[in-house]
Amino acid sequence: MTDHSEPTATPDADEPTGRIVLLTTSHRVAPGVLSWPAWQTLHAADRVLCADPGHPQLPYLREAGIEVAFESPDAHALVEACAGGRTVVVLPGGEGDQRLTDGLARLAGSGRVSMPDLELLPGSYDLPGARLLDLVQVMDRVRRECPWTSRQTHRGLAKYAIEEAYELVEAIEDGDREELREELGDVLLQVVFHARIAEEAGGDGGDGEDDEGADEAFSIDDVAGALVTKLIHRHPHVFGDAKAETPEDVSAHWQRTKAVEKRRASVTDGIPVGQPGLALAAKLAGRARTGGVAVELPCGEGIGYELLELAARAEAAGIDPETALRAAARAYRDAIRAAEGLTEPGE
């Protein structure tokens, strides 16, 4: 019995078999922005096929004078279309065309067909950070359609930012790379979430309070743009003519630039007093030291003043007292668990 699903005759060996080009593009790159090899291949092709009349590249191909046929050939028909050495370019949809690629693989593996050259040509590539565009799109949809997410406010989410930051620190201290990646994502979610709320009219995210400047909405692009400007401005040794040979030189640049930007009346301005006590004490001591403010530590009775002195000493020695205390506390936790006959956290 003859299988009529595939050709049984092999074309003349001297006859050119042609070329099939699967031209892929990234939805994270603006339509029409294609690589030069992609444009060359499109202009030189004998036929350009696309099964999706709504493909985002089509308007730009038409502007470039490239005729596109709306066809969805099977593998057999596509091979025949290449007979005589013709080049056929196929524009798959966003999810690709598994049916076509599987069919081409079967034909090639059958050994009964002279196959054209098969080429996968990326027309556009994802740049580093491109997946952040997906994150912004997903966050926008979740904000609009999720009953819980759509009701959240800046103030209501504040506690999660603190929790996620602590979980990130714990992942860093544990040295767990997989956990670190996940916790970085959770921290990034807080940034994107707050920026999405800030896009909405009123600017207070539904907090119900008319804060000054509440109507000044902003987006994640504004957040990123301001950060880029800040990083460039505070790294004149990278983006300008300033010189910095040591980490201390970099820190000095940073502090001078911040002082000009913030125009603070006191070296203590901008220090959040809501942070953990040891970190707060060390930050104050560091600001006083680098700012050249000669002030003695206050004296008093009680453990608080003793801890203040320890924090100031640690900061002067280049030690983060908060991190040091956490490390000691973790060792203490492990000792307690060992005394209980346990070895792993969470047992």
Protein backbone atom coordinates (compact mmCIF):
# COMPACT_ATOMS: atom_id res chain seq x y z
CA MET A 1 0.00 0.00 0.00
CA THR A 2 1.34 3.41 -0.93
CA ASP A 3 1.37 6.15 1.72
CA HIS A 4 -0.06 9.20 -0.07
CA SER A 5 0.62 11.52 2.89
CA GLU A 6 4.24 11.99 1.76
CA PRO A 7 5.85 12.16 -1.69
CA THR A 8 7.41 8.91 -2.81
CA ALA A 9 9.53 10.27 -5.64
CA THR A 10 12.81 11.95 -4.93
CA PRO A 11 13.50 14.97 -7.16
CA ASP A 12 16.49 14.99 -9.45
CA ALA A 13 19.63 15.30 -7.40
CA ASP A 14 20.78 18.16 -9.63
CA GLU A 15 17.62 20.17 -9.03
CA PRO A 16 18.09 22.76 -6.26
CA THR A 17 15.80 22.05 -3.31
CA GLY A 18 15.45 25.61 -2.12
CA ARG A 19 15.28 27.06 1.36
CA ILE A 20 12.70 27.35 4.15
CA VAL A 21 13.27 30.19 6.60
CA LEU A 22 11.28 30.38 9.83
CA LEU A 23 11.53 34.04 10.81
CA THR A 24 10.92 34.51 14.54
CA THR A 25 10.40 37.82 16.31
CA SER A 26 10.11 38.87 19.92
CA HIS A 27 6.95 40.57 21.15
CA ARG A 28 9.17 42.45 23.60
CA VAL A 29 10.77 44.39 20.75
CA ALA A 30 8.76 47.01 18.86
CA PRO A 31 7.24 45.66 15.62
CA GLY A 32 9.19 46.68 12.55
CA VAL A 33 12.51 46.64 14.38
CA LEU A 34 14.13 43.70 12.63
CA SER A 35 17.73 42.65 12.12
CA TRP A 36 19.45 43.46 8.84
CA PRO A 37 19.73 39.75 7.88
CA ALA A 38 15.98 39.47 8.45
CA TRP A 39 15.22 42.40 6.09
CA GLN A 40 17.64 41.03 3.49
CA THR A 41 16.00 37.61 3.62
CA LEU A 42 12.49 39.05 3.39
CA HIS A 43 13.31 41.18 0.36
CA ALA A 44 15.10 38.34 -1.42
CA ALA A 45 12.46 35.65 -0.71
CA ASP A 46 10.33 34.22 -3.47
CA ARG A 47 7.36 33.95 -1.12
CA VAL A 48 6.57 35.19 2.41
CA LEU A 49 3.82 33.30 4.23
CA CYS A 50 1.94 34.11 7.42
CA ALA A 51 -1.10 32.32 8.83
CA ASP A 52 -2.07 35.20 11.13
CA PRO A 53 -3.57 38.26 9.39
CA GLY A 54 -3.16 40.15 12.65
CA HIS A 55 0.58 39.51 12.98
CA PRO A 56 2.12 42.74 14.38
CA GLN A 57 4.92 42.78 11.81
CA LEU A 58 2.61 42.88 8.79
CA PRO A 59 2.03 46.67 8.55
CA TYR A 60 5.78 47.26 8.55
CA LEU A 61 6.41 44.60 5.93
CA ARG A 62 3.79 46.19 3.69
CA GLU A 63 5.45 49.60 4.13
CA ALA A 64 8.72 47.98 3.05
CA GLY A 65 7.07 46.67 -0.12
CA ILE A 66 7.09 43.01 0.93
CA GLU A 67 4.08 41.01 -0.20
CA VAL A 68 2.80 38.53 2.38
CA ALA A 69 0.42 35.68 1.55
CA PHE A 70 -1.97 34.60 4.29
CA GLU A 71 -1.45 30.86 4.09
CA SER A 72 -0.86 28.05 6.54
CA PRO A 73 0.71 25.30 4.44
CA ASP A 74 1.50 21.87 5.78
CA ALA A 75 5.06 20.59 5.66
CA HIS A 76 4.56 18.75 2.36
CA ALA A 77 3.16 21.80 0.57
CA LEU A 78 5.90 23.99 1.96
CA VAL A 79 8.61 21.66 0.67
CA GLU A 80 7.00 21.61 -2.77
CA ALA A 81 6.84 25.42 -2.75
CA CYS A 82 10.63 25.47 -2.51
CA ALA A 83 11.14 23.30 -5.60
CA GLY A 84 13.49 24.76 -8.15
CA GLY A 85 15.59 26.51 -5.54
CA ARG A 86 12.98 28.96 -4.31
CA THR A 87 13.19 30.57 -0.85
CA VAL A 88 10.04 30.64 1.27
CA VAL A 89 9.93 32.67 4.47
CA VAL A 90 7.35 31.72 7.10
CA LEU A 91 6.35 34.12 9.90
CA PRO A 92 5.12 31.95 12.79
CA GLY A 93 2.70 33.34 15.35
CA GLY A 94 3.66 34.30 18.86
CA GLU A 95 3.42 30.70 20.06
CA GLY A 96 5.24 29.31 17.00
CA ASP A 97 3.82 26.63 14.70
CA GLN A 98 4.35 23.23 16.30
CA ARG A 99 2.31 21.46 13.61
CA LEU A 100 4.53 22.75 10.83
CA THR A 101 7.85 22.14 12.57
CA ASP A 102 6.81 18.62 13.58
CA GLY A 103 5.75 17.91 10.02
CA LEU A 104 9.06 19.13 8.61
CA ALA A 105 10.92 16.96 11.10
CA ARG A 106 8.94 13.90 10.02
CA LEU A 107 9.61 14.55 6.35
CA ALA A 108 13.31 15.06 6.97
CA GLY A 109 13.47 11.85 9.00
CA SER A 110 11.64 9.78 6.42
CA GLY A 111 14.58 9.75 4.02
CA ARG A 112 12.16 9.77 1.06
CA VAL A 113 12.13 13.49 0.41
CA SER A 114 14.87 15.82 -0.79
CA MET A 115 14.51 18.49 1.85
CA PRO A 116 15.19 22.16 1.30
CA ASP A 117 17.63 23.88 3.61
CA LEU A 118 15.89 24.67 6.90
CA GLU A 119 16.85 27.84 8.75
CA LEU A 120 15.62 29.44 11.94
CA LEU A 121 16.30 33.16 11.62
CA PRO A 122 15.70 35.39 14.66
CA GLY A 123 14.42 38.69 13.32
CA SER A 124 14.65 40.35 16.71
CA TYR A 125 16.24 39.41 20.00
CA ASP A 126 15.29 40.06 23.59
CA LEU A 127 17.64 42.58 25.15
CA PRO A 128 18.73 42.19 28.80
CA GLY A 129 15.81 43.20 30.99
CA ALA A 130 13.22 42.46 28.30
CA ARG A 131 11.21 40.21 30.62
CA LEU A 132 10.52 43.26 32.76
CA LEU A 133 8.12 44.33 30.03
CA ASP A 134 6.18 41.12 30.61
CA LEU A 135 6.13 41.87 34.33
CA VAL A 136 4.67 45.33 33.75
CA GLN A 137 1.97 43.91 31.44
CA VAL A 138 1.05 41.12 33.86
CA MET A 139 0.94 43.53 36.81
CA ASP A 140 -1.35 45.86 34.85
CA ARG A 141 -3.80 43.05 34.10
CA VAL A 142 -3.75 41.70 37.65
CA ARG A 143 -4.38 45.19 39.01
CA ARG A 144 -7.43 45.56 36.75
CA GLU A 145 -8.93 42.10 37.10
CA CYS A 146 -7.98 40.63 40.50
CA PRO A 147 -10.52 41.45 43.28
CA TRP A 148 -7.79 41.61 45.95
CA THR A 149 -5.03 43.33 43.99
CA SER A 150 -7.37 45.98 42.58
CA ARG A 151 -8.21 47.19 46.10
CA GLN A 152 -4.69 47.51 47.49
CA THR A 153 -3.17 50.87 48.45
CA HIS A 154 0.31 52.18 49.14
CA ARG A 155 -0.30 52.19 52.89
CA GLY A 156 -1.92 48.78 52.88
CA LEU A 157 1.06 47.25 51.10
CA ALA A 158 3.73 48.93 53.22
CA LYS A 159 4.08 46.01 55.63
CA TYR A 160 4.76 43.61 52.78
CA ALA A 161 7.70 45.70 51.58
CA ILE A 162 9.27 45.34 55.02
CA GLU A 163 8.56 41.60 55.18
CA GLU A 164 9.96 40.95 51.71
CA ALA A 165 13.10 42.95 52.46
CA TYR A 166 13.77 40.85 55.56
CA GLU A 167 13.17 37.63 53.64
CA LEU A 168 15.65 38.81 51.01
CA VAL A 169 18.27 39.48 53.68
CA GLU A 170 17.69 36.01 55.12
CA ALA A 171 18.15 34.40 51.70
CA ILE A 172 21.43 36.29 51.27
CA GLU A 173 22.68 35.21 54.69
CA ASP A 174 21.65 31.59 54.03
CA GLY A 175 23.58 31.59 50.76
CA ASP A 176 20.66 29.90 48.98
CA ARG A 177 20.83 31.03 45.34
CA GLU A 178 17.41 29.68 44.38
CA GLU A 179 15.82 31.36 47.38
CA LEU A 180 17.71 34.55 46.61
CA ARG A 181 16.27 34.65 43.08
CA GLU A 182 12.75 34.16 44.39
CA GLU A 183 13.07 36.80 47.10
CA LEU A 184 14.52 39.32 44.65
CA GLY A 185 11.41 38.73 42.56
CA ASP A 186 9.18 39.37 45.57
CA VAL A 187 10.98 42.65 46.30
CA LEU A 188 10.68 43.63 42.62
CA LEU A 189 6.96 42.87 42.78
CA GLN A 190 6.57 45.48 45.52
CA VAL A 191 8.24 48.10 43.33
CA VAL A 192 6.11 47.31 40.27
CA PHE A 193 2.94 47.04 42.39
CA HIS A 194 3.40 50.46 44.00
CA ALA A 195 4.31 52.04 40.67
CA ARG A 196 1.14 50.59 39.09
CA ILE A 197 -1.00 51.99 41.90
CA ALA A 198 0.67 55.38 41.45
CA GLU A 199 -0.48 55.51 37.82
CA GLU A 200 -4.10 55.84 38.85
CA ALA A 201 -5.98 59.11 39.17
CA GLY A 202 -5.64 60.71 42.58
CA GLY A 203 -2.19 59.25 43.17
CA ASP A 204 -2.98 58.13 46.74
CA GLY A 205 -3.82 54.60 45.63
CA GLY A 206 -7.23 54.73 47.24
CA ASP A 207 -5.90 55.55 50.68
CA GLY A 208 -8.73 57.99 51.15
CA GLU A 209 -6.47 60.87 52.18
CA ASP A 210 -5.87 63.93 50.05
CA ASP A 211 -2.11 64.21 50.48
CA GLU A 212 -0.28 67.16 49.02
CA GLY A 213 0.68 66.33 45.43
CA ALA A 214 -1.73 63.39 45.38
CA ASP A 215 -2.76 64.17 41.78
CA GLU A 216 0.79 63.78 40.49
CA ALA A 217 0.51 60.28 39.06
CA PHE A 218 3.63 58.49 37.89
CA SER A 219 4.49 55.15 36.30
CA ILE A 220 7.19 52.52 36.47
CA ASP A 221 8.90 54.32 33.58
CA ASP A 222 9.12 57.46 35.71
CA VAL A 223 10.59 55.42 38.54
CA ALA A 224 13.15 53.78 36.27
CA GLY A 225 13.96 57.04 34.50
CA ALA A 226 14.63 58.87 37.76
CA LEU A 227 16.82 56.00 38.94
CA VAL A 228 18.85 56.02 35.73
CA THR A 229 19.40 59.76 36.07
CA LYS A 230 20.46 59.35 39.69
CA LEU A 231 22.90 56.53 38.95
CA ILE A 232 24.55 58.46 36.13
CA HIS A 233 24.77 61.64 38.19
CA ARG A 234 26.23 59.86 41.21
CA HIS A 235 28.84 57.97 39.19
CA PRO A 236 30.84 60.75 37.52
CA HIS A 237 33.86 58.42 37.56
CA VAL A 238 31.94 56.07 35.23
CA PHE A 239 29.89 58.44 33.06
CA GLY A 240 32.03 61.58 33.38
CA ASP A 241 35.58 62.80 33.80
CA ALA A 242 35.93 62.32 37.56
CA LYS A 243 38.52 59.87 38.86
CA ALA A 244 37.94 57.17 41.46
CA GLU A 245 40.61 54.58 42.14
CA THR A 246 39.28 53.08 45.37
CA PRO A 247 35.90 52.26 46.96
CA GLU A 248 36.56 55.14 49.36
CA ASP A 249 36.85 57.53 46.40
CA VAL A 250 33.52 56.27 45.07
CA SER A 251 31.87 56.74 48.47
CA ALA A 252 33.20 60.30 48.66
CA HIS A 253 31.77 61.08 45.21
CA TRP A 254 28.45 59.61 46.24
CA GLN A 255 28.22 61.56 49.48
CA ARG A 256 29.19 64.87 47.86
CA THR A 257 26.65 64.41 45.09
CA LYS A 258 23.90 63.48 47.55
CA ALA A 259 24.66 66.54 49.64
CA VAL A 260 24.21 68.80 46.61
CA GLU A 261 21.05 67.00 45.50
CA LYS A 262 19.33 66.90 48.87
CA ARG A 263 20.52 70.24 50.31
CA ARG A 264 20.10 68.82 53.80
CA ALA A 265 20.35 71.08 56.82
CA SER A 266 21.61 68.24 59.01
CA VAL A 267 23.65 65.12 58.37
CA THR A 268 20.82 63.24 60.07
CA ASP A 269 18.22 64.33 57.51
CA GLY A 270 16.88 61.44 55.49
CA ILE A 271 17.73 58.75 58.02
CA PRO A 272 14.54 56.68 58.60
CA VAL A 273 14.05 56.40 62.36
CA GLY A 274 11.71 53.44 61.90
CA GLN A 275 14.54 51.06 61.02
CA PRO A 276 15.90 48.54 63.55
CA GLY A 277 17.64 50.19 66.50
CA LEU A 278 21.17 48.93 65.92
CA ALA A 279 21.03 49.90 62.25
CA LEU A 280 19.70 53.33 63.20
CA ALA A 281 22.45 53.89 65.75
CA ALA A 282 25.15 52.84 63.29
CA LYS A 283 23.69 55.06 60.54
CA LEU A 284 23.67 58.09 62.83
CA ALA A 285 27.25 57.42 63.93
CA GLY A 286 28.35 57.00 60.33
CA ARG A 287 26.70 60.22 59.19
CA ALA A 288 28.28 62.16 62.06
CA ARG A 289 31.70 60.67 61.32
CA THR A 290 31.71 61.21 57.56
CA GLY A 291 30.08 64.63 57.94
CA GLY A 292 32.83 65.78 60.31
CA VAL A 293 30.39 66.58 63.12
CA ALA A 294 32.35 66.35 66.38
CA VAL A 295 29.86 65.11 68.95
CA GLU A 296 30.30 62.78 71.88
CA LEU A 297 27.98 59.86 72.36
CA PRO A 298 25.32 60.67 74.95
CA CYS A 299 25.87 59.06 78.32
CA GLY A 300 23.14 57.47 80.32
CA GLU A 301 22.09 54.50 82.37
CA GLY A 302 20.73 51.34 80.83
CA ILE A 303 21.32 48.87 78.08
CA GLY A 304 20.22 51.30 75.36
CA TYR A 305 23.24 53.55 75.82
CA GLU A 306 25.53 50.53 75.97
CA LEU A 307 24.11 49.25 72.69
CA LEU A 308 24.50 52.71 71.15
CA GLU A 309 28.18 52.70 72.04
CA LEU A 310 28.64 49.19 70.63
CA ALA A 311 26.87 50.17 67.39
CA ALA A 312 29.05 53.28 67.00
CA ARG A 313 32.20 51.24 67.61
CA ALA A 314 31.12 48.63 65.06
CA GLU A 315 30.35 51.25 62.42
CA ALA A 316 33.73 52.92 62.92
CA ALA A 317 35.38 49.52 62.44
CA GLY A 318 33.48 48.90 59.20
CA ILE A 319 31.13 46.33 60.72
CA ASP A 320 27.36 46.38 60.29
CA PRO A 321 26.14 45.76 63.84
CA GLU A 322 22.72 44.60 62.66
CA THR A 323 24.27 41.91 60.46
CA ALA A 324 26.73 40.92 63.18
CA LEU A 325 23.97 40.55 65.76
CA ARG A 326 21.84 38.51 63.36
CA ALA A 327 24.76 36.18 62.72
CA ALA A 328 25.28 35.71 66.44
CA ALA A 329 21.55 35.21 66.97
CA ARG A 330 21.46 32.55 64.26
CA ALA A 331 24.34 30.74 65.94
CA TYR A 332 22.39 30.95 69.20
CA ARG A 333 19.29 29.57 67.48
CA ASP A 334 21.30 26.64 66.12
CA ALA A 335 22.70 25.94 69.59
CA ILE A 336 19.19 25.90 71.05
CA ARG A 337 18.01 23.49 68.38
CA ALA A 338 21.01 21.26 68.93
CA ALA A 339 20.20 21.15 72.63
CA GLU A 340 16.66 20.11 71.68
CA GLY A 341 18.02 17.32 69.51
CA LEU A 342 17.13 19.06 66.25
CA THR A 343 19.53 19.81 63.44
CA GLU A 344 17.67 21.59 60.65
CA PRO A 345 15.49 24.74 60.91
CA GLY A 346 11.81 23.88 60.64
CA GLU A 347 12.07 20.30 61.91
